Amino acid sequence: MVPKKISQNKTFKILSNPFILISLVFIVWIVFIDENSYLFHYKTLNPELDKLEKDKKYYQSEIEKDRKKIKDLQNPKSLDQFAREKYKMKKENEEIFIIEYDTISSE
């Protein structure tokens, strides 16, 4: 029986220490109560961070596609083809016929 009392007494002394009490209150405050608590970060900011990381990957892939396109357009033939297809440009004394199909079908 004596060892239990000593153990309980020792635990009480540790918990009654004001530094330990203040530290425990501080930890509880930071984890659960504060406006910038861990729970707030976990529920609100982590999904936002995941979304931003996905956006970053998407934009990096788009940048890579654009770099390849720019590299391809350094070639005069591909630049000419791109200008003709995309912007319907033509050379002097050249005629272009644009054929557009009606997408609505009358069945």
Protein backbone atom coordinates (compact mmCIF):
# COMPACT_ATOMS: atom_id res chain seq x y z
CA MET A 1 0.00 0.00 0.00
CA VAL A 2 2.78 2.40 0.75
CA PRO A 3 4.23 2.27 -2.77
CA LYS A 4 0.88 3.31 -4.24
CA LYS A 5 0.66 6.37 -2.01
CA ILE A 6 4.18 7.36 -2.90
CA SER A 7 3.39 6.94 -6.59
CA GLN A 8 0.15 8.93 -6.32
CA ASN A 9 1.85 11.58 -4.27
CA LYS A 10 4.64 11.88 -6.81
CA THR A 11 2.10 12.20 -9.67
CA PHE A 12 0.21 14.87 -7.74
CA LYS A 13 3.39 16.83 -7.19
CA ILE A 14 4.22 16.74 -10.87
CA LEU A 15 0.72 17.80 -11.92
CA SER A 16 0.49 20.51 -9.29
CA ASN A 17 3.61 22.17 -10.61
CA PRO A 18 2.49 25.53 -12.07
CA PHE A 19 4.74 25.22 -15.11
CA ILE A 20 3.25 21.85 -15.97
CA LEU A 21 -0.29 23.13 -15.45
CA ILE A 22 0.28 26.18 -17.62
CA SER A 23 1.91 24.03 -20.29
CA LEU A 24 -1.05 21.63 -20.34
CA VAL A 25 -3.53 24.48 -20.58
CA PHE A 26 -1.48 26.03 -23.37
CA ILE A 27 -1.37 22.76 -25.33
CA VAL A 28 -5.11 22.24 -24.98
CA TRP A 29 -5.72 25.84 -26.05
CA ILE A 30 -3.52 25.57 -29.12
CA VAL A 31 -4.82 22.20 -30.26
CA PHE A 32 -8.55 22.68 -29.72
CA ILE A 33 -9.70 26.19 -28.80
CA ASP A 34 -7.66 28.83 -30.59
CA GLU A 35 -8.78 30.36 -33.89
CA ASN A 36 -5.64 29.00 -35.54
CA SER A 37 -5.87 25.62 -33.87
CA TYR A 38 -4.59 22.38 -35.26
CA LEU A 39 -8.16 21.27 -35.98
CA PHE A 40 -8.79 24.41 -38.02
CA HIS A 41 -5.65 23.79 -40.04
CA TYR A 42 -6.52 20.14 -40.53
CA LYS A 43 -10.12 20.74 -41.66
CA THR A 44 -9.77 23.96 -43.63
CA LEU A 45 -6.24 24.53 -44.80
CA ASN A 46 -5.19 21.00 -45.75
CA PRO A 47 -7.86 20.61 -48.48
CA GLU A 48 -6.95 24.04 -49.79
CA LEU A 49 -3.29 23.05 -49.85
CA ASP A 50 -4.15 19.85 -51.75
CA LYS A 51 -6.11 21.87 -54.31
CA LEU A 52 -3.21 24.28 -54.76
CA GLU A 53 -0.79 21.38 -55.28
CA LYS A 54 -3.07 19.93 -57.97
CA ASP A 55 -3.26 23.34 -59.61
CA LYS A 56 0.52 23.59 -59.50
CA LYS A 57 0.90 20.24 -61.28
CA TYR A 58 -1.66 21.26 -63.89
CA TYR A 59 0.07 24.57 -64.61
CA GLN A 60 3.47 22.92 -64.75
CA SER A 61 2.17 20.49 -67.37
CA GLU A 62 0.64 23.39 -69.33
CA ILE A 63 3.94 25.26 -69.17
CA GLU A 64 5.71 22.20 -70.52
CA LYS A 65 3.21 21.92 -73.39
CA ASP A 66 3.70 25.60 -74.20
CA ARG A 67 7.47 25.21 -74.18
CA LYS A 68 7.19 22.36 -76.69
CA LYS A 69 4.85 24.44 -78.83
CA ILE A 70 7.27 27.39 -78.77
CA LYS A 71 10.15 25.09 -79.69
CA ASP A 72 8.11 23.70 -82.59
CA LEU A 73 7.24 27.20 -83.78
CA GLN A 74 10.92 28.08 -84.11
CA ASN A 75 10.84 26.09 -87.36
CA PRO A 76 9.58 28.36 -90.20
CA LYS A 77 7.53 25.58 -91.83
CA SER A 78 5.64 24.74 -88.67
CA LEU A 79 5.15 28.45 -87.96
CA ASP A 80 3.67 28.90 -91.44
CA GLN A 81 1.37 25.90 -90.94
CA PHE A 82 0.28 27.15 -87.51
CA ALA A 83 -0.52 30.63 -88.87
CA ARG A 84 -2.53 29.17 -91.73
CA GLU A 85 -4.53 26.75 -89.58
CA LYS A 86 -5.08 28.81 -86.48
CA TYR A 87 -5.36 32.37 -87.77
CA LYS A 88 -6.41 31.63 -91.38
CA MET A 89 -3.52 33.66 -92.76
CA LYS A 90 -2.47 33.45 -96.40
CA LYS A 91 0.38 34.36 -98.68
CA GLU A 92 0.14 37.10 -101.29
CA ASN A 93 -1.85 36.22 -104.41
CA GLU A 94 -3.34 33.18 -102.73
CA GLU A 95 -6.98 32.36 -102.22
CA ILE A 96 -8.36 30.51 -99.21
CA PHE A 97 -11.68 28.75 -99.12
CA ILE A 98 -13.09 28.04 -95.66
CA ILE A 99 -15.71 25.34 -95.60
CA GLU A 100 -17.86 25.24 -92.51
CA TYR A 101 -20.28 22.43 -91.92
CA ASP A 102 -23.62 22.92 -90.25
CA THR A 103 -23.51 20.98 -87.00
CA ILE A 104 -27.27 20.89 -86.59
CA SER A 105 -28.84 18.05 -88.51
CA SER A 106 -32.47 18.24 -89.59
CA GLU A 107 -33.72 14.70 -89.36
